[in-house]
Amino acid sequence: MAMVRYIVDDVDAAIAFYRTHLGFREIMHPAPAFALLVRDDLRLALSRPGGGPGGGQAMPDGTLPRPGGWNRISLEVADVEADARRLRAAGVRLRNEVVTGVGGKQVLVEDPSGNPVELFEPLLPEARENR
């Protein structure tokens, strides 16, 4: 099992997004500044900047972590084009249209804080999670 931490502006909004749109389950939400979600073998830790000790705390120089950027989790899906239409209809922001790459099709959606999530539909057998 792998764990990824995302910095989010609003932990409750992020929980709702990942549960409603991407099939995650909430494992724990012990404080307003932190939650842990799971989907298959991925644990997703959500931390609010400056939310106390832990993943959202300031660096020694005072710099706070912030959401966004281009690093992302990638979730395998069966039909990326159908998922993109469903998410767009639900008001989710997509960074791009579906593109076809070397191993499959992908689209980038954003969580409420602007963190990217890649939805990936493998086209080659070796690109699948469970080969």
N, C-alpha and C. Protein backbone atom coordinates (compact mmCIF):
# COMPACT_ATOMS: atom_id res chain seq x y z
N MET A 1 0.85 -1.18 0.00
CA MET A 1 0.00 0.00 0.00
C MET A 1 0.89 1.24 0.00
N ALA A 2 0.51 2.24 -0.76
CA ALA A 2 1.26 3.50 -0.83
C ALA A 2 0.43 4.61 -0.22
N MET A 3 1.12 5.63 0.30
CA MET A 3 0.42 6.80 0.83
C MET A 3 0.97 8.05 0.16
N VAL A 4 0.08 8.94 -0.21
CA VAL A 4 0.42 10.23 -0.79
C VAL A 4 -0.22 11.30 0.10
N ARG A 5 0.50 12.41 0.33
CA ARG A 5 -0.06 13.52 1.09
C ARG A 5 -0.33 14.67 0.14
N TYR A 6 -1.55 15.21 0.22
CA TYR A 6 -1.89 16.41 -0.52
C TYR A 6 -2.17 17.52 0.48
N ILE A 7 -1.63 18.68 0.17
CA ILE A 7 -1.92 19.87 0.95
C ILE A 7 -3.18 20.47 0.36
N VAL A 8 -4.18 20.74 1.21
CA VAL A 8 -5.47 21.26 0.74
C VAL A 8 -5.86 22.47 1.59
N ASP A 9 -6.58 23.39 0.98
CA ASP A 9 -7.03 24.58 1.70
C ASP A 9 -8.17 24.27 2.67
N ASP A 10 -9.02 23.32 2.33
CA ASP A 10 -10.21 22.99 3.12
C ASP A 10 -10.34 21.47 3.15
N VAL A 11 -10.01 20.87 4.28
CA VAL A 11 -10.02 19.41 4.41
C VAL A 11 -11.42 18.85 4.18
N ASP A 12 -12.45 19.48 4.72
CA ASP A 12 -13.81 18.98 4.53
C ASP A 12 -14.23 19.00 3.06
N ALA A 13 -13.90 20.07 2.34
CA ALA A 13 -14.22 20.14 0.91
C ALA A 13 -13.46 19.06 0.14
N ALA A 14 -12.21 18.82 0.52
CA ALA A 14 -11.42 17.78 -0.16
C ALA A 14 -12.00 16.40 0.11
N ILE A 15 -12.41 16.13 1.34
CA ILE A 15 -13.04 14.84 1.66
C ILE A 15 -14.27 14.64 0.78
N ALA A 16 -15.12 15.63 0.70
CA ALA A 16 -16.34 15.53 -0.11
C ALA A 16 -15.99 15.27 -1.57
N PHE A 17 -15.00 15.97 -2.11
CA PHE A 17 -14.59 15.79 -3.50
C PHE A 17 -14.11 14.37 -3.76
N TYR A 18 -13.16 13.90 -2.97
CA TYR A 18 -12.58 12.58 -3.21
C TYR A 18 -13.59 11.45 -2.98
N ARG A 19 -14.48 11.61 -2.02
CA ARG A 19 -15.50 10.59 -1.79
C ARG A 19 -16.56 10.61 -2.89
N THR A 20 -17.07 11.78 -3.21
CA THR A 20 -18.17 11.90 -4.17
C THR A 20 -17.75 11.59 -5.60
N HIS A 21 -16.61 12.10 -6.01
CA HIS A 21 -16.24 12.02 -7.42
C HIS A 21 -15.24 10.93 -7.77
N LEU A 22 -14.42 10.50 -6.81
CA LEU A 22 -13.34 9.58 -7.15
C LEU A 22 -13.33 8.27 -6.37
N GLY A 23 -14.37 8.01 -5.59
CA GLY A 23 -14.52 6.71 -4.96
C GLY A 23 -13.64 6.41 -3.76
N PHE A 24 -13.14 7.44 -3.07
CA PHE A 24 -12.35 7.21 -1.86
C PHE A 24 -13.28 7.01 -0.66
N ARG A 25 -12.76 6.32 0.37
CA ARG A 25 -13.45 6.16 1.65
C ARG A 25 -12.67 6.91 2.72
N GLU A 26 -13.39 7.52 3.64
CA GLU A 26 -12.74 8.21 4.76
C GLU A 26 -12.37 7.18 5.82
N ILE A 27 -11.10 7.17 6.22
CA ILE A 27 -10.61 6.27 7.27
C ILE A 27 -10.63 6.99 8.61
N MET A 28 -10.13 8.23 8.61
CA MET A 28 -10.16 9.02 9.84
C MET A 28 -10.10 10.50 9.53
N HIS A 29 -10.67 11.27 10.44
CA HIS A 29 -10.69 12.74 10.34
C HIS A 29 -10.65 13.26 11.78
N PRO A 30 -9.48 13.06 12.45
CA PRO A 30 -9.39 13.36 13.88
C PRO A 30 -9.30 14.84 14.23
N ALA A 31 -9.02 15.70 13.25
CA ALA A 31 -8.87 17.12 13.51
C ALA A 31 -9.28 17.88 12.24
N PRO A 32 -9.69 19.15 12.38
CA PRO A 32 -10.10 19.91 11.20
C PRO A 32 -9.00 20.03 10.14
N ALA A 33 -7.74 19.91 10.53
CA ALA A 33 -6.62 20.11 9.60
C ALA A 33 -6.09 18.82 8.99
N PHE A 34 -6.71 17.66 9.26
CA PHE A 34 -6.17 16.40 8.75
C PHE A 34 -7.26 15.36 8.54
N ALA A 35 -7.10 14.58 7.47
CA ALA A 35 -7.95 13.42 7.23
C ALA A 35 -7.15 12.39 6.45
N LEU A 36 -7.57 11.14 6.57
CA LEU A 36 -6.95 10.05 5.83
C LEU A 36 -8.04 9.31 5.07
N LEU A 37 -7.86 9.20 3.76
CA LEU A 37 -8.80 8.51 2.89
C LEU A 37 -8.10 7.32 2.25
N VAL A 38 -8.89 6.40 1.69
CA VAL A 38 -8.31 5.24 1.02
C VAL A 38 -9.13 4.88 -0.21
N ARG A 39 -8.42 4.43 -1.24
CA ARG A 39 -9.04 3.86 -2.44
C ARG A 39 -8.10 2.75 -2.90
N ASP A 40 -8.61 1.53 -2.93
CA ASP A 40 -7.79 0.36 -3.29
C ASP A 40 -6.54 0.35 -2.42
N ASP A 41 -5.36 0.37 -3.03
CA ASP A 41 -4.10 0.32 -2.28
C ASP A 41 -3.48 1.69 -2.06
N LEU A 42 -4.25 2.75 -2.24
CA LEU A 42 -3.73 4.11 -2.07
C LEU A 42 -4.35 4.77 -0.84
N ARG A 43 -3.50 5.21 0.05
CA ARG A 43 -3.94 6.01 1.20
C ARG A 43 -3.63 7.46 0.87
N LEU A 44 -4.62 8.32 1.01
CA LEU A 44 -4.46 9.74 0.69
C LEU A 44 -4.61 10.54 1.97
N ALA A 45 -3.49 11.15 2.40
CA ALA A 45 -3.49 12.01 3.59
C ALA A 45 -3.75 13.44 3.13
N LEU A 46 -4.71 14.09 3.75
CA LEU A 46 -5.06 15.47 3.42
C LEU A 46 -4.68 16.36 4.60
N SER A 47 -3.86 17.36 4.34
CA SER A 47 -3.40 18.25 5.40
C SER A 47 -3.61 19.70 5.00
N ARG A 48 -4.09 20.51 5.95
CA ARG A 48 -4.26 21.95 5.72
C ARG A 48 -2.98 22.67 6.10
N PRO A 49 -2.51 23.65 5.30
CA PRO A 49 -1.31 24.39 5.65
C PRO A 49 -1.45 25.07 7.00
N GLY A 50 -0.42 24.95 7.82
CA GLY A 50 -0.40 25.62 9.11
C GLY A 50 -1.38 25.03 10.11
N GLY A 51 -1.85 23.81 9.84
CA GLY A 51 -2.85 23.19 10.69
C GLY A 51 -2.32 22.51 11.92
N GLY A 52 -1.12 22.85 12.35
CA GLY A 52 -0.55 22.24 13.54
C GLY A 52 0.56 21.28 13.17
N PRO A 53 0.99 20.46 14.12
CA PRO A 53 2.09 19.53 13.83
C PRO A 53 1.65 18.52 12.77
N GLY A 54 2.60 18.07 11.98
CA GLY A 54 2.30 17.09 10.94
C GLY A 54 2.63 17.62 9.57
N GLY A 55 1.99 17.05 8.55
CA GLY A 55 2.31 17.34 7.16
C GLY A 55 2.03 18.76 6.72
N GLY A 56 1.17 19.49 7.42
CA GLY A 56 0.85 20.85 7.02
C GLY A 56 1.64 21.92 7.76
N GLN A 57 2.54 21.50 8.66
CA GLN A 57 3.25 22.49 9.47
C GLN A 57 4.27 23.27 8.65
N ALA A 58 4.60 24.44 9.13
CA ALA A 58 5.56 25.31 8.46
C ALA A 58 6.96 24.71 8.53
N MET A 59 7.76 25.02 7.51
CA MET A 59 9.16 24.62 7.49
C MET A 59 9.92 25.50 8.50
N PRO A 60 11.16 25.12 8.85
CA PRO A 60 11.91 25.92 9.82
C PRO A 60 12.03 27.40 9.46
N ASP A 61 12.02 27.73 8.16
CA ASP A 61 12.13 29.14 7.76
C ASP A 61 10.78 29.85 7.72
N GLY A 62 9.69 29.14 8.13
CA GLY A 62 8.37 29.74 8.17
C GLY A 62 7.53 29.49 6.92
N THR A 63 8.10 28.91 5.89
CA THR A 63 7.37 28.64 4.65
C THR A 63 6.29 27.59 4.89
N LEU A 64 5.07 27.91 4.47
CA LEU A 64 3.97 26.97 4.59
C LEU A 64 3.84 26.15 3.32
N PRO A 65 3.52 24.85 3.44
CA PRO A 65 3.24 24.09 2.24
C PRO A 65 1.99 24.64 1.57
N ARG A 66 1.85 24.42 0.26
CA ARG A 66 0.66 24.92 -0.43
C ARG A 66 0.22 23.93 -1.50
N PRO A 67 -1.04 23.94 -1.83
CA PRO A 67 -1.56 23.02 -2.84
C PRO A 67 -1.19 23.45 -4.24
N GLY A 68 -1.45 22.54 -5.17
CA GLY A 68 -1.24 22.84 -6.59
C GLY A 68 -0.03 22.13 -7.15
N GLY A 69 0.54 22.68 -8.19
CA GLY A 69 1.70 22.08 -8.83
C GLY A 69 1.29 21.07 -9.90
N TRP A 70 2.24 20.22 -10.29
CA TRP A 70 2.00 19.26 -11.36
C TRP A 70 2.20 17.83 -10.93
N ASN A 71 2.89 17.57 -9.82
CA ASN A 71 2.98 16.19 -9.33
C ASN A 71 1.57 15.75 -8.97
N ARG A 72 1.27 14.49 -9.18
CA ARG A 72 -0.12 14.07 -9.00
C ARG A 72 -0.22 12.57 -8.76
N ILE A 73 -1.36 12.19 -8.22
CA ILE A 73 -1.69 10.77 -8.17
C ILE A 73 -2.38 10.43 -9.48
N SER A 74 -2.26 9.19 -9.87
CA SER A 74 -2.89 8.72 -11.10
C SER A 74 -3.80 7.55 -10.74
N LEU A 75 -5.07 7.67 -11.11
CA LEU A 75 -6.05 6.64 -10.82
C LEU A 75 -6.46 5.96 -12.11
N GLU A 76 -6.35 4.64 -12.14
CA GLU A 76 -6.75 3.90 -13.33
C GLU A 76 -8.28 3.85 -13.40
N VAL A 77 -8.81 4.13 -14.59
CA VAL A 77 -10.25 4.10 -14.82
C VAL A 77 -10.53 3.28 -16.08
N ALA A 78 -11.77 2.81 -16.21
CA ALA A 78 -12.15 1.98 -17.35
C ALA A 78 -12.48 2.80 -18.59
N ASP A 79 -13.04 4.00 -18.40
CA ASP A 79 -13.47 4.84 -19.53
C ASP A 79 -13.23 6.29 -19.18
N VAL A 80 -12.06 6.81 -19.51
CA VAL A 80 -11.68 8.16 -19.11
C VAL A 80 -12.58 9.22 -19.74
N GLU A 81 -13.02 8.99 -20.96
CA GLU A 81 -13.88 9.99 -21.61
C GLU A 81 -15.23 10.09 -20.91
N ALA A 82 -15.81 8.97 -20.50
CA ALA A 82 -17.08 9.00 -19.76
C ALA A 82 -16.88 9.66 -18.40
N ASP A 83 -15.77 9.35 -17.73
CA ASP A 83 -15.50 9.97 -16.43
C ASP A 83 -15.31 11.47 -16.57
N ALA A 84 -14.61 11.91 -17.62
CA ALA A 84 -14.41 13.34 -17.85
C ALA A 84 -15.75 14.05 -18.06
N ARG A 85 -16.64 13.45 -18.85
CA ARG A 85 -17.97 14.05 -19.07
C ARG A 85 -18.74 14.13 -17.75
N ARG A 86 -18.72 13.05 -16.97
CA ARG A 86 -19.45 13.00 -15.69
C ARG A 86 -18.93 14.08 -14.74
N LEU A 87 -17.62 14.19 -14.63
CA LEU A 87 -17.03 15.16 -13.71
C LEU A 87 -17.27 16.59 -14.16
N ARG A 88 -17.14 16.84 -15.45
CA ARG A 88 -17.41 18.19 -15.97
C ARG A 88 -18.86 18.57 -15.69
N ALA A 89 -19.79 17.64 -15.90
CA ALA A 89 -21.21 17.90 -15.64
C ALA A 89 -21.47 18.18 -14.16
N ALA A 90 -20.64 17.62 -13.29
CA ALA A 90 -20.77 17.84 -11.85
C ALA A 90 -20.09 19.12 -11.39
N GLY A 91 -19.47 19.85 -12.33
CA GLY A 91 -18.83 21.11 -11.98
C GLY A 91 -17.37 20.99 -11.58
N VAL A 92 -16.77 19.82 -11.75
CA VAL A 92 -15.36 19.63 -11.42
C VAL A 92 -14.51 20.28 -12.51
N ARG A 93 -13.45 20.96 -12.10
CA ARG A 93 -12.56 21.62 -13.07
C ARG A 93 -11.60 20.61 -13.67
N LEU A 94 -11.53 20.58 -14.99
CA LEU A 94 -10.57 19.76 -15.72
C LEU A 94 -9.50 20.68 -16.28
N ARG A 95 -8.23 20.31 -16.13
CA ARG A 95 -7.14 21.14 -16.65
C ARG A 95 -6.99 21.00 -18.16
N ASN A 96 -7.45 19.91 -18.71
CA ASN A 96 -7.26 19.68 -20.14
C ASN A 96 -8.38 18.78 -20.65
N GLU A 97 -8.37 18.55 -21.93
CA GLU A 97 -9.25 17.56 -22.55
C GLU A 97 -8.54 16.21 -22.47
N VAL A 98 -9.25 15.14 -22.73
CA VAL A 98 -8.64 13.81 -22.74
C VAL A 98 -7.58 13.78 -23.84
N VAL A 99 -6.39 13.29 -23.50
CA VAL A 99 -5.31 13.13 -24.46
C VAL A 99 -4.89 11.67 -24.50
N THR A 100 -4.40 11.24 -25.65
CA THR A 100 -3.90 9.88 -25.80
C THR A 100 -2.38 9.93 -25.85
N GLY A 101 -1.76 9.16 -24.96
CA GLY A 101 -0.31 9.09 -24.89
C GLY A 101 0.19 7.73 -25.34
N VAL A 102 1.39 7.41 -24.94
CA VAL A 102 2.03 6.17 -25.35
C VAL A 102 1.31 4.95 -24.80
N GLY A 103 0.92 4.99 -23.52
CA GLY A 103 0.32 3.81 -22.90
C GLY A 103 -1.16 3.88 -22.69
N GLY A 104 -1.75 5.05 -22.91
CA GLY A 104 -3.18 5.16 -22.66
C GLY A 104 -3.70 6.56 -22.82
N LYS A 105 -4.94 6.75 -22.36
CA LYS A 105 -5.60 8.06 -22.40
C LYS A 105 -5.60 8.63 -20.99
N GLN A 106 -5.55 9.96 -20.89
CA GLN A 106 -5.56 10.60 -19.58
C GLN A 106 -6.21 11.97 -19.63
N VAL A 107 -6.66 12.40 -18.45
CA VAL A 107 -7.16 13.75 -18.27
C VAL A 107 -6.79 14.16 -16.84
N LEU A 108 -6.56 15.45 -16.64
CA LEU A 108 -6.25 15.96 -15.31
C LEU A 108 -7.45 16.70 -14.76
N VAL A 109 -7.92 16.28 -13.58
CA VAL A 109 -8.97 17.00 -12.88
C VAL A 109 -8.34 17.65 -11.66
N GLU A 110 -8.99 18.67 -11.12
CA GLU A 110 -8.46 19.36 -9.94
C GLU A 110 -9.38 19.17 -8.76
N ASP A 111 -8.78 18.94 -7.60
CA ASP A 111 -9.58 18.91 -6.37
C ASP A 111 -9.92 20.35 -6.00
N PRO A 112 -10.71 20.58 -4.96
CA PRO A 112 -11.13 21.95 -4.63
C PRO A 112 -9.98 22.92 -4.33
N SER A 113 -8.78 22.39 -3.99
CA SER A 113 -7.64 23.26 -3.71
C SER A 113 -6.73 23.45 -4.91
N GLY A 114 -7.03 22.81 -6.03
CA GLY A 114 -6.21 22.94 -7.23
C GLY A 114 -5.18 21.85 -7.40
N ASN A 115 -5.19 20.81 -6.55
CA ASN A 115 -4.28 19.68 -6.72
C ASN A 115 -4.74 18.83 -7.89
N PRO A 116 -3.82 18.45 -8.79
CA PRO A 116 -4.21 17.64 -9.92
C PRO A 116 -4.34 16.16 -9.57
N VAL A 117 -5.31 15.52 -10.20
CA VAL A 117 -5.49 14.08 -10.13
C VAL A 117 -5.62 13.60 -11.57
N GLU A 118 -4.76 12.66 -11.94
CA GLU A 118 -4.80 12.12 -13.30
C GLU A 118 -5.72 10.91 -13.33
N LEU A 119 -6.66 10.91 -14.26
CA LEU A 119 -7.47 9.74 -14.53
C LEU A 119 -6.86 9.09 -15.76
N PHE A 120 -6.48 7.83 -15.65
CA PHE A 120 -5.71 7.15 -16.68
C PHE A 120 -6.42 5.88 -17.13
N GLU A 121 -6.68 5.80 -18.43
CA GLU A 121 -7.26 4.60 -19.04
C GLU A 121 -6.17 3.92 -19.85
N PRO A 122 -5.63 2.80 -19.36
CA PRO A 122 -4.57 2.13 -20.10
C PRO A 122 -5.08 1.53 -21.41
N LEU A 123 -4.27 1.64 -22.45
CA LEU A 123 -4.59 1.05 -23.74
C LEU A 123 -3.72 -0.17 -24.03
N LEU A 124 -2.56 -0.21 -23.42
CA LEU A 124 -1.64 -1.34 -23.59
C LEU A 124 -1.73 -2.25 -22.36
N PRO A 125 -1.72 -3.55 -22.55
CA PRO A 125 -1.83 -4.47 -21.40
C PRO A 125 -0.76 -4.21 -20.33
N GLU A 126 0.46 -3.88 -20.75
CA GLU A 126 1.53 -3.66 -19.76
C GLU A 126 1.36 -2.37 -18.98
N ALA A 127 0.45 -1.48 -19.39
CA ALA A 127 0.20 -0.23 -18.67
C ALA A 127 -0.86 -0.41 -17.58
N ARG A 128 -1.50 -1.56 -17.51
CA ARG A 128 -2.56 -1.81 -16.52
C ARG A 128 -1.97 -2.08 -15.15
N GLU A 129 -2.71 -1.67 -14.12
CA GLU A 129 -2.28 -1.93 -12.73
C GLU A 129 -2.12 -3.41 -12.46
N ASN A 130 -3.12 -4.19 -12.84
CA ASN A 130 -3.14 -5.62 -12.53
C ASN A 130 -2.87 -6.43 -13.79
N ARG A 131 -1.61 -6.42 -14.21
CA ARG A 131 -1.27 -7.15 -15.42
C ARG A 131 -1.26 -8.63 -15.16
